[in-house]
N, C-alpha and C. Protein backbone atom coordinates (compact mmCIF):
# COMPACT_ATOMS: atom_id res chain seq x y z
N GLY A 1 121.97 -94.03 61.55
CA GLY A 1 123.48 -94.01 61.56
C GLY A 1 124.10 -93.53 60.19
N VAL A 2 125.28 -93.18 60.00
CA VAL A 2 125.95 -93.13 58.61
C VAL A 2 125.56 -94.03 57.71
N ALA A 3 125.59 -95.13 58.02
CA ALA A 3 125.46 -96.13 56.91
C ALA A 3 124.26 -96.16 56.27
N ASN A 4 123.16 -95.24 57.09
CA ASN A 4 121.47 -95.27 56.43
C ASN A 4 121.37 -93.86 55.64
N MET A 5 122.75 -93.09 55.36
CA MET A 5 122.50 -92.07 54.85
C MET A 5 122.34 -92.28 53.33
N LYS A 6 121.66 -92.98 52.68
CA LYS A 6 121.49 -93.31 51.27
C LYS A 6 122.09 -92.22 50.32
N SER A 7 123.71 -92.03 50.85
CA SER A 7 124.36 -91.10 49.88
C SER A 7 123.53 -89.26 50.26
N ALA A 8 123.24 -89.08 51.35
CA ALA A 8 122.96 -87.75 51.82
C ALA A 8 123.70 -87.08 51.03
N SER A 9 124.80 -86.72 51.02
CA SER A 9 125.91 -85.86 50.59
C SER A 9 125.80 -86.06 48.93
N LEU A 10 125.66 -87.30 48.61
CA LEU A 10 125.49 -87.57 47.09
C LEU A 10 124.10 -87.05 46.34
N GLN A 11 122.88 -87.22 46.95
CA GLN A 11 121.75 -86.98 46.32
C GLN A 11 122.01 -85.41 45.62
N GLY A 12 122.73 -84.56 46.24
CA GLY A 12 122.55 -83.15 45.49
C GLY A 12 123.41 -82.90 44.13
N ALA A 13 124.26 -84.22 43.88
CA ALA A 13 125.10 -84.04 42.72
C ALA A 13 124.37 -84.12 41.34
N MET A 14 124.88 -83.40 40.37
CA MET A 14 124.50 -83.56 39.01
C MET A 14 124.13 -84.95 38.67
N THR A 15 123.04 -84.94 37.89
CA THR A 15 122.35 -86.47 37.47
C THR A 15 123.39 -86.94 36.31
N PRO A 16 123.52 -88.07 36.41
CA PRO A 16 124.36 -88.81 35.39
C PRO A 16 124.27 -88.29 33.85
N GLU A 17 122.74 -87.96 33.61
CA GLU A 17 122.76 -87.52 31.99
C GLU A 17 123.38 -86.25 32.13
N TRP A 18 122.86 -85.28 32.89
CA TRP A 18 123.55 -83.95 32.64
C TRP A 18 125.28 -83.84 32.98
N CYS A 19 125.41 -84.66 33.91
CA CYS A 19 127.44 -84.85 34.02
C CYS A 19 127.75 -85.24 32.63
N ASP A 20 127.16 -86.44 31.76
CA ASP A 20 127.88 -86.57 30.65
C ASP A 20 127.61 -85.47 29.71
N VAL A 21 126.27 -84.81 29.44
CA VAL A 21 126.32 -83.61 28.61
C VAL A 21 127.33 -82.70 28.76
N GLY A 22 127.73 -82.46 30.11
CA GLY A 22 128.78 -81.30 30.56
C GLY A 22 130.04 -81.72 29.97
N ILE A 23 130.30 -83.14 30.14
CA ILE A 23 131.65 -83.59 29.68
C ILE A 23 131.79 -83.46 28.48
N VAL A 24 130.88 -83.84 27.43
CA VAL A 24 131.04 -83.67 26.00
C VAL A 24 130.95 -82.16 25.43
N LEU A 25 130.13 -81.72 26.40
CA LEU A 25 130.29 -79.87 26.04
C LEU A 25 131.56 -79.42 26.51
N VAL A 26 132.32 -79.66 27.55
CA VAL A 26 133.70 -79.22 27.78
C VAL A 26 134.54 -79.62 26.87
N VAL A 27 134.56 -80.89 26.53
CA VAL A 27 135.71 -81.17 25.57
C VAL A 27 135.33 -80.66 24.10
N SER A 28 134.17 -80.99 23.68
CA SER A 28 133.90 -80.18 22.24
C SER A 28 134.48 -78.60 22.39
N VAL A 29 134.02 -77.61 23.45
CA VAL A 29 134.37 -76.28 23.16
C VAL A 29 135.78 -76.16 23.28
N PHE A 30 136.53 -77.07 24.28
CA PHE A 30 137.90 -76.80 24.24
C PHE A 30 138.74 -77.29 22.96
N ALA A 31 138.18 -78.24 22.50
CA ALA A 31 138.73 -79.00 21.20
C ALA A 31 138.66 -77.92 20.15
N SER A 32 137.50 -77.38 19.94
CA SER A 32 136.99 -76.46 18.97
C SER A 32 137.93 -75.28 19.07
N GLN A 33 138.31 -75.05 20.07
CA GLN A 33 139.18 -73.63 20.50
C GLN A 33 140.53 -73.73 20.30
N ILE A 34 140.95 -75.11 20.31
CA ILE A 34 142.27 -75.48 19.70
C ILE A 34 142.25 -75.42 18.36
N ILE A 35 141.59 -76.01 17.63
CA ILE A 35 141.62 -76.13 16.24
C ILE A 35 141.48 -74.74 15.59
N ALA A 36 140.46 -73.87 16.21
CA ALA A 36 140.28 -72.50 15.73
C ALA A 36 141.65 -71.65 15.61
N GLY A 37 142.46 -72.06 16.61
CA GLY A 37 143.62 -71.33 16.87
C GLY A 37 144.61 -71.39 15.62
N GLY A 38 144.34 -72.65 15.08
CA GLY A 38 145.26 -72.75 13.88
C GLY A 38 146.78 -73.26 14.50
N PRO A 39 147.79 -72.51 13.73
CA PRO A 39 149.45 -72.96 14.11
C PRO A 39 149.47 -72.35 15.53
N GLU A 40 148.78 -71.57 16.18
CA GLU A 40 148.69 -71.00 17.41
C GLU A 40 147.67 -71.16 18.33
N PRO A 41 147.54 -72.41 18.73
CA PRO A 41 146.45 -72.95 19.48
C PRO A 41 146.39 -71.75 20.87
N ASN A 42 144.91 -71.78 21.18
CA ASN A 42 144.56 -70.90 22.27
C ASN A 42 144.99 -71.58 23.66
N VAL A 43 146.02 -72.27 23.48
CA VAL A 43 146.52 -72.89 24.97
C VAL A 43 147.85 -72.76 25.38
N VAL A 44 148.64 -72.65 26.32
CA VAL A 44 150.05 -72.60 26.66
C VAL A 44 150.50 -73.96 27.01
N VAL A 45 151.46 -74.24 26.78
CA VAL A 45 152.42 -75.51 27.03
C VAL A 45 153.21 -75.53 28.24
N ALA A 46 153.08 -76.78 29.22
CA ALA A 46 153.53 -76.95 30.46
C ALA A 46 155.01 -77.09 30.09
N SER A 47 156.19 -76.66 31.25
CA SER A 47 157.49 -76.47 30.73
C SER A 47 158.04 -76.77 32.05
N GLY A 48 159.24 -77.42 31.94
CA GLY A 48 159.87 -77.69 33.19
C GLY A 48 161.17 -76.46 33.41
N ILE A 49 161.14 -75.65 34.27
CA ILE A 49 161.62 -74.62 34.54
C ILE A 49 162.13 -74.52 36.09
N GLU A 50 162.97 -73.53 36.57
CA GLU A 50 163.35 -73.20 37.84
C GLU A 50 162.43 -72.23 38.53
N VAL A 51 161.74 -72.54 39.24
CA VAL A 51 160.65 -71.45 40.08
C VAL A 51 161.14 -70.59 41.04
N ARG A 52 161.24 -69.25 40.88
CA ARG A 52 161.91 -68.55 41.98
C ARG A 52 161.33 -68.63 43.38
N TRP A 53 159.78 -68.67 43.41
CA TRP A 53 159.06 -68.55 44.68
C TRP A 53 159.30 -69.83 45.38
N VAL A 54 159.44 -71.11 44.45
CA VAL A 54 159.55 -72.36 45.21
C VAL A 54 160.90 -72.46 45.84
N SER A 55 161.85 -71.86 45.05
CA SER A 55 163.37 -72.03 45.52
C SER A 55 163.65 -71.27 46.62
N THR A 56 162.84 -70.22 46.99
CA THR A 56 162.98 -69.37 48.41
C THR A 56 161.99 -69.93 49.19
N SER A 57 161.21 -70.81 49.26
CA SER A 57 160.10 -71.15 50.15
C SER A 57 159.53 -72.22 49.94
N ARG A 58 160.52 -73.21 50.27
CA ARG A 58 160.47 -74.81 50.55
C ARG A 58 159.62 -75.56 51.58
N VAL A 59 159.67 -74.59 52.62
CA VAL A 59 159.24 -75.15 53.96
C VAL A 59 157.49 -75.75 53.80
N PRO A 60 156.71 -75.00 52.92
CA PRO A 60 155.55 -75.57 53.04
C PRO A 60 155.53 -77.00 52.27
N PHE A 61 155.84 -77.23 51.23
CA PHE A 61 156.40 -78.50 50.34
C PHE A 61 156.98 -79.48 51.71
N PHE A 62 157.84 -79.36 52.35
CA PHE A 62 158.52 -80.20 53.14
C PHE A 62 157.23 -80.49 54.34
N VAL A 63 156.48 -79.65 54.84
CA VAL A 63 155.58 -80.11 55.66
C VAL A 63 154.36 -80.90 55.19
N ALA A 64 154.20 -80.60 53.83
CA ALA A 64 152.97 -81.30 53.05
C ALA A 64 153.60 -82.70 52.98
N ALA A 65 154.57 -82.91 52.50
CA ALA A 65 155.32 -84.08 52.33
C ALA A 65 155.36 -85.02 53.65
N GLY A 66 155.50 -84.32 54.57
CA GLY A 66 155.65 -84.90 56.15
C GLY A 66 154.34 -85.35 56.63
N ILE A 67 153.39 -84.31 56.29
CA ILE A 67 152.31 -84.87 56.80
C ILE A 67 151.50 -85.88 55.89
N PHE A 68 151.68 -86.06 54.63
CA PHE A 68 151.48 -87.18 54.11
C PHE A 68 152.35 -88.36 54.31
N ALA A 69 153.26 -88.25 54.71
CA ALA A 69 154.38 -89.43 55.12
C ALA A 69 153.72 -89.95 56.32
N ILE A 70 153.70 -89.18 57.27
CA ILE A 70 152.90 -89.61 58.50
C ILE A 70 151.46 -90.21 58.58
N GLN A 71 150.77 -89.82 57.78
CA GLN A 71 149.54 -90.54 57.45
C GLN A 71 149.68 -92.09 56.55
N ALA A 72 150.62 -92.08 55.72
CA ALA A 72 150.84 -93.37 55.09
C ALA A 72 151.67 -94.29 56.08
N ILE A 73 152.28 -93.90 57.05
CA ILE A 73 153.01 -94.91 58.22
C ILE A 73 151.93 -95.25 59.03
N ILE A 74 150.96 -94.32 59.37
CA ILE A 74 149.75 -94.88 60.09
C ILE A 74 148.94 -95.82 59.57
N SER A 75 148.68 -95.27 58.22
CA SER A 75 147.98 -96.59 57.34
C SER A 75 148.58 -97.71 57.48
N LEU A 76 150.07 -97.89 57.15
CA LEU A 76 150.71 -99.19 57.51
C LEU A 76 150.49 -99.64 58.80
N ALA A 77 150.89 -98.97 59.94
CA ALA A 77 150.90 -99.51 61.16
C ALA A 77 149.33 -100.44 61.30
N MET A 78 148.18 -99.55 60.94
CA MET A 78 146.75 -100.17 61.02
C MET A 78 146.64 -101.30 60.32
N TYR A 79 147.35 -101.34 58.97
CA TYR A 79 147.22 -102.36 58.49
C TYR A 79 147.58 -103.86 58.94
N GLY A 80 148.90 -103.48 59.62
CA GLY A 80 149.65 -104.44 60.13
C GLY A 80 149.04 -105.31 61.25
N ILE A 81 148.40 -104.03 62.16
CA ILE A 81 147.73 -104.39 63.35
C ILE A 81 146.37 -105.16 63.07
N LEU A 82 145.74 -104.78 61.74
CA LEU A 82 144.40 -105.39 61.44
C LEU A 82 144.67 -106.89 61.11
N ARG A 83 145.93 -107.38 60.60
CA ARG A 83 146.21 -108.32 60.03
C ARG A 83 146.63 -109.40 61.12
N SER A 84 147.21 -108.99 62.62
CA SER A 84 147.51 -109.63 63.25
C SER A 84 146.38 -109.79 64.51
N THR A 85 145.42 -109.12 64.29
CA THR A 85 144.34 -109.09 65.28
C THR A 85 143.32 -110.36 64.94
N GLN A 86 143.16 -111.27 65.78
CA GLN A 86 142.69 -112.51 65.74
C GLN A 86 141.03 -112.24 66.01
N GLY A 87 140.07 -112.76 65.54
CA GLY A 87 138.84 -112.82 65.77
C GLY A 87 137.97 -111.40 65.12
N PHE A 88 138.83 -110.86 64.53
CA PHE A 88 138.11 -109.69 64.04
C PHE A 88 138.15 -109.80 62.14
N ARG A 89 136.73 -110.38 62.41
CA ARG A 89 136.60 -110.66 60.69
C ARG A 89 134.98 -110.16 60.28
N GLY A 90 134.71 -110.48 59.07
CA GLY A 90 133.48 -109.95 58.47
C GLY A 90 133.68 -108.71 57.67
N THR A 91 132.39 -108.00 57.69
CA THR A 91 132.27 -106.83 56.56
C THR A 91 133.17 -105.58 57.12
N TRP A 92 133.36 -105.33 58.38
CA TRP A 92 133.99 -104.01 58.71
C TRP A 92 135.71 -104.52 58.57
N GLU A 93 136.29 -105.66 58.73
CA GLU A 93 137.55 -106.10 58.28
C GLU A 93 137.87 -105.80 56.66
N GLU A 94 136.93 -106.02 56.04
CA GLU A 94 136.87 -105.94 54.40
C GLU A 94 136.89 -104.62 54.29
N LYS A 95 136.05 -103.81 54.84
CA LYS A 95 135.99 -102.40 54.69
C LYS A 95 137.10 -101.47 54.91
N LEU A 96 137.85 -101.98 56.25
CA LEU A 96 138.90 -101.11 56.60
C LEU A 96 140.08 -101.62 55.72
N ARG A 97 140.29 -102.88 55.52
CA ARG A 97 141.27 -102.92 54.21
C ARG A 97 141.05 -102.05 53.23
N PHE A 98 139.91 -102.05 52.73
CA PHE A 98 139.51 -101.32 51.41
C PHE A 98 139.85 -100.05 51.84
N ILE A 99 139.62 -99.33 52.88
CA ILE A 99 139.98 -98.03 53.07
C ILE A 99 141.54 -97.77 53.44
N LEU A 100 142.16 -98.71 53.90
CA LEU A 100 143.73 -98.64 54.07
C LEU A 100 144.32 -98.70 52.59
N HIS A 101 144.07 -99.53 51.96
CA HIS A 101 144.55 -99.51 50.60
C HIS A 101 144.61 -98.30 49.69
N TYR A 102 143.23 -97.58 50.01
CA TYR A 102 143.37 -96.39 49.11
C TYR A 102 143.88 -95.06 49.92
N HIS A 103 143.65 -95.13 51.25
CA HIS A 103 144.56 -94.05 52.20
C HIS A 103 146.04 -94.23 51.81
N LEU A 104 146.28 -95.60 51.79
CA LEU A 104 147.81 -95.77 51.65
C LEU A 104 148.22 -95.05 50.34
N THR A 105 147.67 -95.50 49.31
CA THR A 105 147.85 -95.07 47.92
C THR A 105 148.03 -93.42 47.71
N ILE A 106 147.01 -92.88 48.33
CA ILE A 106 146.85 -91.69 48.21
C ILE A 106 148.19 -90.89 48.83
N ASN A 107 148.21 -91.08 50.14
CA ASN A 107 149.25 -90.53 50.87
C ASN A 107 150.44 -90.88 50.72
N LEU A 108 151.04 -91.95 50.34
CA LEU A 108 152.13 -92.17 49.45
C LEU A 108 152.60 -91.48 48.20
N SER A 109 151.72 -91.32 47.13
CA SER A 109 151.74 -90.74 46.01
C SER A 109 151.87 -89.05 46.92
N GLY A 110 151.20 -88.53 47.65
CA GLY A 110 151.14 -87.20 47.95
C GLY A 110 152.43 -86.81 48.71
N ALA A 111 152.99 -87.87 49.36
CA ALA A 111 154.25 -87.69 50.01
C ALA A 111 155.35 -87.65 49.04
N VAL A 112 155.40 -88.40 47.76
CA VAL A 112 156.37 -88.67 47.15
C VAL A 112 156.50 -87.10 46.05
N LEU A 113 155.08 -86.92 45.93
CA LEU A 113 154.84 -85.56 45.02
C LEU A 113 155.74 -84.30 45.67
N TYR A 114 155.17 -84.16 47.10
CA TYR A 114 155.75 -82.81 47.62
C TYR A 114 157.25 -83.01 47.84
N ALA A 115 157.71 -84.34 48.27
CA ALA A 115 159.08 -84.62 48.84
C ALA A 115 160.14 -84.13 47.12
N VAL A 116 159.59 -84.26 45.91
CA VAL A 116 160.33 -84.05 44.69
C VAL A 116 159.96 -82.51 44.76
N TYR A 117 158.84 -81.88 45.01
CA TYR A 117 158.67 -80.30 45.13
C TYR A 117 159.70 -79.68 46.00
N PHE A 118 159.86 -80.41 47.08
CA PHE A 118 161.03 -80.06 47.99
C PHE A 118 162.30 -80.00 47.59
N ALA A 119 162.93 -81.18 46.97
CA ALA A 119 164.29 -81.57 46.43
C ALA A 119 164.51 -80.81 45.34
N SER A 120 163.46 -80.45 44.28
CA SER A 120 163.89 -80.21 43.07
C SER A 120 164.22 -78.88 42.84
N ARG A 121 165.09 -78.53 41.67
CA ARG A 121 165.16 -77.21 41.47
C ARG A 121 164.10 -76.61 40.30
N THR A 122 163.95 -77.54 39.48
CA THR A 122 163.11 -77.36 38.32
C THR A 122 161.42 -78.07 38.71
N HIS A 123 160.65 -77.43 38.03
CA HIS A 123 159.31 -78.01 38.27
C HIS A 123 158.43 -77.76 36.96
N TRP A 124 157.41 -78.90 36.66
CA TRP A 124 156.44 -78.49 35.87
C TRP A 124 155.50 -77.59 35.88
N ILE A 125 155.47 -76.32 35.17
CA ILE A 125 154.44 -75.21 35.48
C ILE A 125 154.11 -74.77 34.36
N VAL A 126 152.65 -74.11 34.72
CA VAL A 126 152.09 -73.47 33.25
C VAL A 126 151.92 -71.99 33.83
N VAL A 127 152.33 -71.05 32.92
CA VAL A 127 152.16 -69.54 33.33
C VAL A 127 150.91 -69.02 32.45
N SER A 128 150.08 -68.79 33.33
CA SER A 128 148.93 -68.35 32.98
C SER A 128 149.10 -66.97 32.42
N PRO A 129 148.54 -66.96 30.86
CA PRO A 129 148.92 -65.55 30.40
C PRO A 129 148.42 -64.31 30.80
N GLY A 130 147.33 -64.63 31.25
CA GLY A 130 146.41 -63.40 31.95
C GLY A 130 146.88 -62.76 33.14
N THR A 131 147.31 -63.67 34.02
CA THR A 131 147.65 -63.35 35.53
C THR A 131 149.18 -63.58 35.57
N CYS A 132 149.65 -64.21 34.59
CA CYS A 132 151.28 -64.66 34.79
C CYS A 132 151.23 -65.38 36.17
N THR A 133 150.33 -65.72 36.64
CA THR A 133 150.48 -66.93 37.81
C THR A 133 151.11 -67.99 37.27
N GLU A 134 152.06 -68.70 38.19
CA GLU A 134 152.71 -70.15 37.79
C GLU A 134 152.06 -71.06 38.56
N ALA A 135 151.61 -72.17 37.83
CA ALA A 135 150.60 -73.10 38.43
C ALA A 135 151.25 -74.37 38.34
N LEU A 136 151.75 -75.23 39.37
CA LEU A 136 152.39 -76.56 39.69
C LEU A 136 151.33 -77.57 38.93
N ILE A 137 151.57 -77.79 37.79
CA ILE A 137 150.57 -78.65 37.16
C ILE A 137 150.48 -80.15 37.65
N THR A 138 151.54 -80.64 38.21
CA THR A 138 151.43 -82.15 38.64
C THR A 138 150.74 -82.11 40.09
N ARG A 139 150.71 -80.88 40.61
CA ARG A 139 149.94 -80.78 41.78
C ARG A 139 148.29 -81.02 41.51
N HIS A 140 147.98 -80.51 40.60
CA HIS A 140 146.68 -80.61 40.13
C HIS A 140 146.32 -82.13 39.59
N VAL A 141 147.35 -82.45 38.95
CA VAL A 141 147.06 -84.11 38.44
C VAL A 141 146.87 -84.82 39.72
N HIS A 142 147.69 -84.60 40.70
CA HIS A 142 147.36 -85.52 41.84
C HIS A 142 145.81 -85.28 42.57
N TRP A 143 145.52 -84.09 42.63
CA TRP A 143 144.30 -83.72 43.22
C TRP A 143 143.30 -84.43 42.10
N LEU A 144 143.32 -84.36 40.64
CA LEU A 144 142.52 -84.84 39.79
C LEU A 144 142.56 -86.81 39.86
N VAL A 145 143.48 -87.25 40.51
CA VAL A 145 143.39 -88.66 40.80
C VAL A 145 142.67 -88.81 42.29
N SER A 146 143.70 -88.24 43.05
CA SER A 146 143.10 -88.69 44.62
C SER A 146 141.68 -88.19 45.00
N THR A 147 141.04 -87.12 44.53
CA THR A 147 139.81 -86.60 44.78
C THR A 147 138.83 -87.69 44.68
N PRO A 148 138.65 -88.02 43.35
CA PRO A 148 137.62 -89.16 43.13
C PRO A 148 138.02 -90.73 43.86
N MET A 149 138.99 -90.68 44.22
CA MET A 149 139.65 -92.20 45.15
C MET A 149 138.73 -92.09 46.71
N GLN A 150 139.01 -90.66 47.21
CA GLN A 150 138.29 -90.33 48.49
C GLN A 150 136.82 -90.54 48.27
N TRP A 151 136.46 -90.02 47.10
CA TRP A 151 134.94 -90.12 47.14
C TRP A 151 134.25 -91.54 46.95
N HIS A 152 135.22 -92.41 46.27
CA HIS A 152 134.86 -93.71 46.19
C HIS A 152 134.80 -94.43 47.46
N VAL A 153 135.85 -94.30 48.02
CA VAL A 153 136.00 -95.08 49.74
C VAL A 153 134.77 -94.30 50.57
N PHE A 154 134.34 -93.04 50.44
CA PHE A 154 133.30 -92.41 51.32
C PHE A 154 132.15 -93.09 50.66
N GLY A 155 131.89 -93.39 49.48
CA GLY A 155 130.75 -93.85 49.07
C GLY A 155 130.26 -95.32 49.23
N LYS A 156 131.23 -96.08 49.14
CA LYS A 156 131.46 -97.56 49.56
C LYS A 156 131.10 -97.88 50.98
N CYS A 157 132.04 -97.00 51.91
CA CYS A 157 132.03 -97.24 53.31
C CYS A 157 131.12 -96.53 54.25
N CYS A 158 130.76 -95.73 53.78
CA CYS A 158 129.93 -94.43 54.45
C CYS A 158 128.41 -94.43 54.26
N THR A 159 128.14 -94.92 52.93
CA THR A 159 126.84 -94.64 52.62
C THR A 159 126.46 -95.89 51.86
N GLN A 160 125.20 -96.03 51.68
CA GLN A 160 124.43 -96.89 50.87
C GLN A 160 124.33 -96.57 49.33
N ALA A 161 125.20 -95.58 48.73
CA ALA A 161 124.77 -95.20 47.41
C ALA A 161 125.27 -96.35 46.33
N THR A 162 124.47 -96.41 45.46
CA THR A 162 124.72 -97.25 44.14
C THR A 162 126.20 -96.96 43.50
N ASP A 163 126.65 -97.86 42.86
CA ASP A 163 127.68 -97.44 41.89
C ASP A 163 127.63 -96.34 40.98
N GLU A 164 126.35 -96.63 40.50
CA GLU A 164 126.19 -95.33 39.46
C GLU A 164 126.09 -93.82 40.25
N GLU A 165 125.69 -93.56 41.47
CA GLU A 165 125.73 -92.37 41.98
C GLU A 165 126.85 -92.34 42.52
N ILE A 166 127.89 -93.44 42.86
CA ILE A 166 129.32 -93.03 43.26
C ILE A 166 130.17 -92.44 42.07
N ALA A 167 129.73 -93.15 40.73
CA ALA A 167 130.33 -92.90 39.54
C ALA A 167 130.00 -91.29 39.15
N THR A 168 128.94 -90.93 39.20
CA THR A 168 128.38 -89.81 38.81
C THR A 168 129.23 -88.82 39.80
N VAL A 169 129.41 -88.89 41.06
CA VAL A 169 130.22 -88.12 41.88
C VAL A 169 131.43 -88.09 41.43
N GLN A 170 132.24 -89.27 41.09
CA GLN A 170 133.45 -88.95 40.77
C GLN A 170 133.81 -88.48 39.33
N LYS A 171 132.70 -88.47 38.67
CA LYS A 171 132.91 -87.84 37.18
C LYS A 171 132.78 -86.08 37.57
N VAL A 172 132.14 -85.77 38.43
CA VAL A 172 131.88 -84.48 38.81
C VAL A 172 133.23 -84.13 39.52
N CYS A 173 133.71 -84.99 40.49
CA CYS A 173 135.03 -84.41 41.03
C CYS A 173 136.15 -84.35 39.85
N ILE A 174 135.98 -85.12 38.94
CA ILE A 174 137.30 -85.03 37.73
C ILE A 174 136.91 -83.80 36.93
N MET A 175 135.79 -83.47 36.64
CA MET A 175 135.41 -82.54 35.73
C MET A 175 135.85 -81.20 36.30
N VAL A 176 135.58 -80.73 37.78
CA VAL A 176 135.96 -79.84 38.24
C VAL A 176 137.36 -79.61 38.28
N GLN A 177 137.99 -80.47 38.61
CA GLN A 177 139.43 -80.83 38.36
C GLN A 177 140.18 -80.30 37.20
N VAL A 178 139.48 -81.05 36.02
CA VAL A 178 139.94 -80.82 34.63
C VAL A 178 139.54 -79.49 34.22
N CYS A 179 138.29 -78.83 34.69
CA CYS A 179 138.24 -77.70 34.03
C CYS A 179 138.96 -76.59 34.57
N GLY A 180 139.38 -76.67 35.81
CA GLY A 180 140.45 -75.95 36.46
C GLY A 180 141.59 -76.06 35.83
N ILE A 181 142.24 -77.17 35.67
CA ILE A 181 143.59 -77.21 34.76
C ILE A 181 143.36 -76.72 33.19
N LEU A 182 142.15 -76.94 32.54
CA LEU A 182 142.19 -76.27 31.05
C LEU A 182 141.88 -74.77 31.55
N LEU A 183 141.40 -74.15 32.63
CA LEU A 183 141.57 -72.62 32.80
C LEU A 183 142.95 -72.18 32.80
N VAL A 184 143.99 -72.80 33.71
CA VAL A 184 145.10 -72.47 33.45
C VAL A 184 145.94 -72.47 32.26
N PHE A 185 145.38 -73.48 31.37
CA PHE A 185 146.02 -73.92 30.09
C PHE A 185 145.53 -72.72 28.98
N ALA A 186 144.65 -71.99 29.39
CA ALA A 186 143.53 -71.44 28.26
C ALA A 186 144.28 -69.66 27.92
N THR A 187 144.54 -69.54 26.81
CA THR A 187 144.93 -68.19 26.44
C THR A 187 144.17 -67.08 26.28
N SER A 188 142.89 -67.73 25.44
CA SER A 188 141.80 -66.75 25.06
C SER A 188 140.88 -66.49 26.42
N PRO A 189 140.71 -65.38 26.68
CA PRO A 189 139.68 -64.77 27.80
C PRO A 189 138.67 -65.25 27.81
N ALA A 190 137.86 -65.58 26.50
CA ALA A 190 136.69 -66.32 26.22
C ALA A 190 136.69 -67.67 26.79
N LEU A 191 137.67 -68.49 26.31
CA LEU A 191 137.71 -70.05 26.91
C LEU A 191 137.96 -69.94 28.38
N ALA A 192 138.77 -69.27 28.61
CA ALA A 192 139.28 -69.03 30.09
C ALA A 192 137.73 -68.88 31.07
N CYS A 193 136.87 -68.17 30.78
CA CYS A 193 135.83 -67.70 31.23
C CYS A 193 134.68 -69.10 31.32
N PHE A 194 135.00 -69.57 30.14
CA PHE A 194 133.98 -70.71 29.99
C PHE A 194 134.51 -71.78 30.87
N CYS A 195 135.62 -72.15 30.79
CA CYS A 195 136.16 -73.20 31.94
C CYS A 195 135.88 -72.95 33.21
N LEU A 196 135.90 -71.63 33.83
CA LEU A 196 135.43 -71.27 34.96
C LEU A 196 134.12 -71.47 35.37
N LEU A 197 133.28 -71.05 34.49
CA LEU A 197 131.82 -71.36 34.72
C LEU A 197 131.71 -72.90 34.38
N ALA A 198 132.12 -73.59 33.69
CA ALA A 198 131.88 -75.15 33.82
C ALA A 198 132.48 -75.65 34.93
N ALA A 199 133.56 -75.18 35.44
CA ALA A 199 133.96 -75.97 37.06
C ALA A 199 132.82 -75.38 37.85
N CYS A 200 132.30 -74.43 38.05
CA CYS A 200 131.58 -73.97 38.93
C CYS A 200 129.96 -74.59 38.56
N ALA A 201 129.59 -75.01 37.47
CA ALA A 201 128.32 -75.78 37.21
C ALA A 201 128.69 -77.20 37.79
N PHE A 202 129.89 -77.76 37.56
CA PHE A 202 129.91 -79.12 37.96
C PHE A 202 129.85 -79.32 39.54
N TYR A 203 130.83 -77.90 40.16
CA TYR A 203 130.71 -78.27 41.59
C TYR A 203 129.38 -78.05 42.17
N VAL A 204 128.49 -77.32 41.63
CA VAL A 204 127.18 -77.07 42.24
C VAL A 204 126.35 -78.25 41.95
């Protein structure tokens, strides 16, 4: 069964040692590039401005906020049913409560984030200098937080992975998102390429 998959999908992850080496390498390279830039570091700064393409196309944000809100309502309903059910005790009740807490947190934060996107005129963005792409940076932060949480739930409830294995997968997920965020902030082509390659390496 699923519970016997001693982390079948976790075994291919980067080992803890290489993961830590990769984290130190990414931080060191990016920090050195900022220092080397002197008064004009090789990074751009996020700014709160009105984004034209968001103002003219808000429907996707409304749909995303609605989906997250519906999932949050379902989580609350299931949690209420679980509390009112008699005779349903033991390991599975604990696991379901554990899942619902995380599921509710992820969906409530997602609903709030996309509702703000839908309602606001200004947004925190980073304009990539190479492509002039406007990145909604708070959305990346939400992924940065929610993805490791999802893997934590999966590892605890659907596998027999150890805490160390789950932590390694969480670090990898975080670094993929961090490298993607740093890629958006980078102004140097060399630094941008490094961030892209580092994100790919962590993903593999």
